[in-house]
Amino acid sequence: MYNYKMSIAYDGTKYLGWQIQSNQPLKTIQGKLQHILSILFNEDIQVIASGRTDAGVHAKKQVANFHTTSYKSCDEILNYLRQYLPCDIAVTEIKEASERFHARYNCLTKRYGYYIDTQFMPDPFKVRYAYHIADPLNMDKMKEASTYLIGTHDFKSFTSMKNKKKSTIKCIHSIEFEPTSSGFVIYYHGNGFLQHMVRILTGTLLEVGLGHLEPDAIPQILEARTRAIAGPTAPSHALFLEEAIY
């Protein structure tokens, strides 16, 4: 068996997320890649990613791998993908990996960025990739609130995941606020993130910034372990998987 590791960038606007769906496989990133690679190798190919991204979420450096019984050079695979992938999905790098490499299980941490446009009028060239909020935001209070989220916590209040058997304990290493030309981006770095977790964290921090919550409400929300008391789920179009780290 041969194992290939890929770095992938994609605009998730038109897709139902990373994970393949049986009724609409080609409307997912995984489905598109598997379809094209299966034709190239003339066998069923399963592509495994570092993790799923939701419908409408983008990635700058998603990492995935796939096994095959046939050998092809990395240049041959890359050229084929460049020819047949749609323009909103790009495999930026491909390497031969050890047979035991697994994009999901070997991933150490992930870094997400949530982009916010704070201009009075939304930037028409960024409206597809940033959440526009014209109301004033108290950045100091948002930063204060974010400090309560650093570390290992039960993030049950910050996920819409329905699987009660799966652990909701995660570790966030850092939350950073970085200014941009049209607003700012919130970077989340952690050992893993639950379904909708980054978007709910962002929605909650924005509630603090808008004055609807005080920063010291965050520990109470964590302790409650109830989704209903956290903030709203921020829109998916402004969220990027910045990188998966190994």
Protein backbone atom coordinates (compact mmCIF):
# COMPACT_ATOMS: atom_id res chain seq x y z
CA MET A 1 0.00 0.00 0.00
CA TYR A 2 1.10 3.54 -0.74
CA ASN A 3 0.11 6.49 1.43
CA TYR A 4 -0.01 10.09 0.25
CA LYS A 5 -0.28 13.22 2.40
CA MET A 6 -1.92 16.33 0.92
CA SER A 7 -2.25 19.99 1.91
CA ILE A 8 -5.53 21.42 0.63
CA ALA A 9 -6.98 24.92 0.40
CA TYR A 10 -10.63 25.50 -0.40
CA ASP A 11 -13.42 28.04 -0.53
CA GLY A 12 -16.30 26.29 1.22
CA THR A 13 -19.03 28.65 0.01
CA LYS A 14 -20.66 26.22 -2.42
CA TYR A 15 -20.12 23.06 -0.39
CA LEU A 16 -21.97 21.16 2.33
CA GLY A 17 -18.76 20.84 4.31
CA TRP A 18 -15.80 18.49 4.23
CA GLN A 19 -17.50 15.18 4.99
CA ILE A 20 -18.99 13.21 2.12
CA GLN A 21 -22.77 12.84 2.08
CA SER A 22 -24.31 9.82 0.42
CA ASN A 23 -27.10 11.74 -1.31
CA GLN A 24 -24.88 14.58 -2.61
CA PRO A 25 -21.26 13.36 -2.60
CA LEU A 26 -19.98 15.93 -5.10
CA LYS A 27 -21.31 18.80 -3.00
CA THR A 28 -18.62 18.08 -0.39
CA ILE A 29 -14.85 18.64 -0.44
CA GLN A 30 -14.11 15.02 0.48
CA GLY A 31 -16.50 13.78 -2.19
CA LYS A 32 -14.90 15.89 -4.93
CA LEU A 33 -11.40 14.72 -4.07
CA GLN A 34 -12.37 11.05 -3.76
CA HIS A 35 -14.21 11.12 -7.09
CA ILE A 36 -11.24 12.52 -9.01
CA LEU A 37 -8.61 10.38 -7.26
CA SER A 38 -10.68 7.22 -7.77
CA ILE A 39 -10.72 7.88 -11.50
CA LEU A 40 -6.97 8.54 -11.57
CA PHE A 41 -6.07 5.36 -9.66
CA ASN A 42 -8.93 3.26 -11.05
CA GLU A 43 -9.90 2.11 -7.54
CA ASP A 44 -12.02 3.40 -4.67
CA ILE A 45 -10.04 6.03 -2.78
CA GLN A 46 -10.94 7.22 0.73
CA VAL A 47 -9.53 10.59 1.72
CA ILE A 48 -9.05 11.17 5.47
CA ALA A 49 -8.77 14.75 6.75
CA SER A 50 -7.39 16.23 9.95
CA GLY A 51 -11.02 17.00 10.82
CA ARG A 52 -14.32 18.07 9.34
CA THR A 53 -15.26 21.60 8.41
CA ASP A 54 -18.91 22.68 8.36
CA ALA A 55 -20.91 23.81 5.36
CA GLY A 56 -19.64 27.18 4.15
CA VAL A 57 -16.38 27.04 6.14
CA HIS A 58 -13.09 27.55 4.30
CA ALA A 59 -9.58 26.14 4.73
CA LYS A 60 -6.16 27.57 4.01
CA LYS A 61 -4.26 24.44 5.01
CA GLN A 62 -6.37 21.38 5.54
CA VAL A 63 -4.29 18.18 5.69
CA ALA A 64 -5.50 14.83 4.40
CA ASN A 65 -4.14 11.45 3.38
CA PHE A 66 -5.22 8.51 1.24
CA HIS A 67 -4.00 4.96 0.63
CA THR A 68 -3.80 3.24 -2.73
CA THR A 69 -2.48 -0.03 -4.11
CA SER A 70 -1.03 1.73 -7.18
CA TYR A 71 2.03 3.98 -7.23
CA LYS A 72 2.05 7.30 -9.03
CA SER A 73 4.54 10.12 -8.66
CA CYS A 74 3.48 13.14 -6.64
CA ASP A 75 3.91 15.36 -9.70
CA GLU A 76 1.59 13.13 -11.73
CA ILE A 77 -1.10 13.23 -9.02
CA LEU A 78 -0.74 16.98 -8.53
CA ASN A 79 -0.99 17.71 -12.25
CA TYR A 80 -4.08 15.53 -12.56
CA LEU A 81 -5.77 17.24 -9.61
CA ARG A 82 -4.90 20.68 -10.97
CA GLN A 83 -6.54 19.73 -14.26
CA TYR A 84 -9.77 18.27 -12.88
CA LEU A 85 -10.46 19.94 -9.53
CA PRO A 86 -12.81 22.95 -9.57
CA CYS A 87 -11.14 26.33 -9.09
CA ASP A 88 -12.39 26.65 -5.50
CA ILE A 89 -10.41 23.58 -4.33
CA ALA A 90 -6.62 23.40 -4.60
CA VAL A 91 -4.19 20.71 -3.52
CA THR A 92 -1.17 22.88 -2.74
CA GLU A 93 1.23 20.07 -1.84
CA ILE A 94 1.41 16.29 -1.96
CA LYS A 95 4.04 14.00 -0.46
CA GLU A 96 4.58 10.30 0.03
CA ALA A 97 3.97 9.44 3.69
CA SER A 98 4.69 6.45 5.88
CA GLU A 99 2.01 3.79 5.67
CA ARG A 100 0.98 4.48 9.28
CA PHE A 101 0.47 8.25 8.84
CA HIS A 102 -3.15 9.23 9.61
CA ALA A 103 -4.22 12.83 9.01
CA ARG A 104 -6.76 12.80 11.82
CA TYR A 105 -5.07 10.75 14.55
CA ASN A 106 -1.59 12.24 14.07
CA CYS A 107 -2.79 15.85 14.14
CA LEU A 108 -1.49 17.59 17.28
CA THR A 109 -3.32 20.94 17.16
CA LYS A 110 -5.41 23.11 14.86
CA ARG A 111 -5.60 26.82 14.31
CA TYR A 112 -8.78 28.56 13.16
CA GLY A 113 -9.34 32.19 12.21
CA TYR A 114 -12.66 34.02 12.38
CA TYR A 115 -12.69 37.23 10.30
CA ILE A 116 -14.79 40.25 11.27
CA ASP A 117 -15.38 43.42 9.22
CA THR A 118 -16.11 46.40 11.49
CA GLN A 119 -16.33 49.13 8.85
CA PHE A 120 -19.48 51.24 8.58
CA MET A 121 -20.09 49.83 5.09
CA PRO A 122 -19.09 46.21 4.45
CA ASP A 123 -16.14 45.70 2.15
CA PRO A 124 -17.70 44.25 -1.03
CA PHE A 125 -14.51 42.32 -1.77
CA LYS A 126 -14.54 40.62 1.64
CA VAL A 127 -18.24 40.16 2.26
CA ARG A 128 -18.04 36.45 1.40
CA TYR A 129 -15.22 35.88 3.88
CA ALA A 130 -15.86 38.21 6.83
CA TYR A 131 -18.76 38.77 9.23
CA HIS A 132 -19.83 42.41 9.04
CA ILE A 133 -20.65 44.11 12.35
CA ALA A 134 -21.03 47.90 12.18
CA ASP A 135 -21.99 48.36 15.86
CA PRO A 136 -19.10 49.37 18.16
CA LEU A 137 -17.30 46.48 19.87
CA ASN A 138 -15.50 46.72 23.19
CA MET A 139 -12.30 44.88 22.29
CA ASP A 140 -10.86 45.10 25.80
CA LYS A 141 -13.84 43.26 27.23
CA MET A 142 -13.71 40.64 24.45
CA LYS A 143 -10.05 40.00 25.21
CA GLU A 144 -10.79 39.78 28.93
CA ALA A 145 -13.60 37.28 28.27
CA SER A 146 -11.34 35.17 26.06
CA THR A 147 -8.87 34.60 28.92
CA TYR A 148 -11.49 32.51 30.76
CA LEU A 149 -11.58 30.12 27.77
CA ILE A 150 -7.85 29.37 27.73
CA GLY A 151 -6.86 25.97 29.08
CA THR A 152 -8.62 22.63 29.44
CA HIS A 153 -12.37 22.91 29.98
CA ASP A 154 -15.60 21.09 29.30
CA PHE A 155 -16.94 23.04 26.33
CA LYS A 156 -20.36 21.42 26.29
CA SER A 157 -22.02 24.86 26.38
CA PHE A 158 -20.13 25.76 23.20
CA THR A 159 -21.17 22.97 20.86
CA SER A 160 -24.31 21.85 19.07
CA MET A 161 -23.03 18.25 19.02
CA LYS A 162 -25.81 15.79 19.85
CA ASN A 163 -23.62 12.75 20.59
CA LYS A 164 -23.71 12.51 24.39
CA LYS A 165 -21.07 9.76 24.51
CA LYS A 166 -18.34 11.86 22.91
CA SER A 167 -16.16 13.88 25.28
CA THR A 168 -16.64 17.64 25.21
CA ILE A 169 -13.38 18.35 27.04
CA LYS A 170 -10.88 20.26 24.91
CA CYS A 171 -7.80 22.41 25.48
CA ILE A 172 -7.50 25.89 23.97
CA HIS A 173 -3.86 26.99 23.95
CA SER A 174 -4.43 30.57 22.85
CA ILE A 175 -7.00 33.07 21.56
CA GLU A 176 -5.48 36.05 19.78
CA PHE A 177 -7.03 39.19 18.30
CA GLU A 178 -5.21 40.58 15.28
CA PRO A 179 -6.22 43.80 13.49
CA THR A 180 -6.81 43.77 9.73
CA SER A 181 -7.36 46.56 7.21
CA SER A 182 -11.14 46.23 7.60
CA GLY A 183 -11.55 44.96 11.17
CA PHE A 184 -9.92 42.07 12.99
CA VAL A 185 -9.50 38.31 13.10
CA ILE A 186 -9.80 36.05 16.13
CA TYR A 187 -7.34 33.15 16.04
CA TYR A 188 -8.11 30.03 18.07
CA HIS A 189 -5.36 27.47 18.64
CA GLY A 190 -6.22 24.23 20.39
CA ASN A 191 -5.88 20.47 20.47
CA GLY A 192 -9.26 20.05 18.79
CA PHE A 193 -12.64 21.68 18.37
CA LEU A 194 -16.19 20.37 18.69
CA GLN A 195 -18.98 20.81 16.16
CA HIS A 196 -19.69 24.56 15.76
CA MET A 197 -17.42 25.27 18.74
CA VAL A 198 -15.36 28.07 17.18
CA ARG A 199 -18.47 29.76 15.80
CA ILE A 200 -20.26 29.61 19.18
CA LEU A 201 -17.17 30.88 20.99
CA THR A 202 -17.03 33.76 18.52
CA GLY A 203 -20.74 34.50 18.86
CA THR A 204 -20.34 34.60 22.64
CA LEU A 205 -17.30 36.88 22.54
CA LEU A 206 -19.19 39.20 20.20
CA GLU A 207 -22.07 39.32 22.70
CA VAL A 208 -19.51 40.55 25.24
CA GLY A 209 -18.14 43.08 22.78
CA LEU A 210 -21.65 44.41 22.08
CA GLY A 211 -22.34 44.78 25.80
CA HIS A 212 -24.94 42.00 26.03
CA LEU A 213 -22.72 39.90 28.33
CA GLU A 214 -20.03 40.74 30.86
CA PRO A 215 -16.65 39.00 30.59
CA ASP A 216 -17.08 37.28 33.96
CA ALA A 217 -20.16 35.48 32.59
CA ILE A 218 -17.87 33.09 30.70
CA PRO A 219 -16.99 30.86 33.71
CA GLN A 220 -20.69 30.53 34.50
CA ILE A 221 -21.44 29.51 30.91
CA LEU A 222 -18.66 26.91 31.00
CA GLU A 223 -19.87 25.56 34.33
CA ALA A 224 -23.51 25.29 33.19
CA ARG A 225 -22.64 22.91 30.31
CA THR A 226 -25.81 24.02 28.56
CA ARG A 227 -25.77 25.27 24.97
CA ALA A 228 -28.79 27.53 25.52
CA ILE A 229 -26.95 30.05 27.70
CA ALA A 230 -23.96 30.64 25.41
CA GLY A 231 -24.05 33.19 22.61
CA PRO A 232 -25.36 32.66 19.09
CA THR A 233 -23.55 30.63 16.45
CA ALA A 234 -21.60 33.06 14.28
CA PRO A 235 -22.06 32.60 10.50
CA SER A 236 -19.91 29.98 8.78
CA HIS A 237 -18.71 32.12 5.86
CA ALA A 238 -16.14 34.02 7.97
CA LEU A 239 -14.44 30.95 9.46
CA PHE A 240 -11.17 29.53 8.12
CA LEU A 241 -9.19 26.49 9.12
CA GLU A 242 -5.83 28.22 9.06
CA GLU A 243 -3.71 25.11 9.53
CA ALA A 244 -3.54 21.62 10.94
CA ILE A 245 -0.31 21.14 12.87
CA TYR A 246 1.69 17.88 13.15
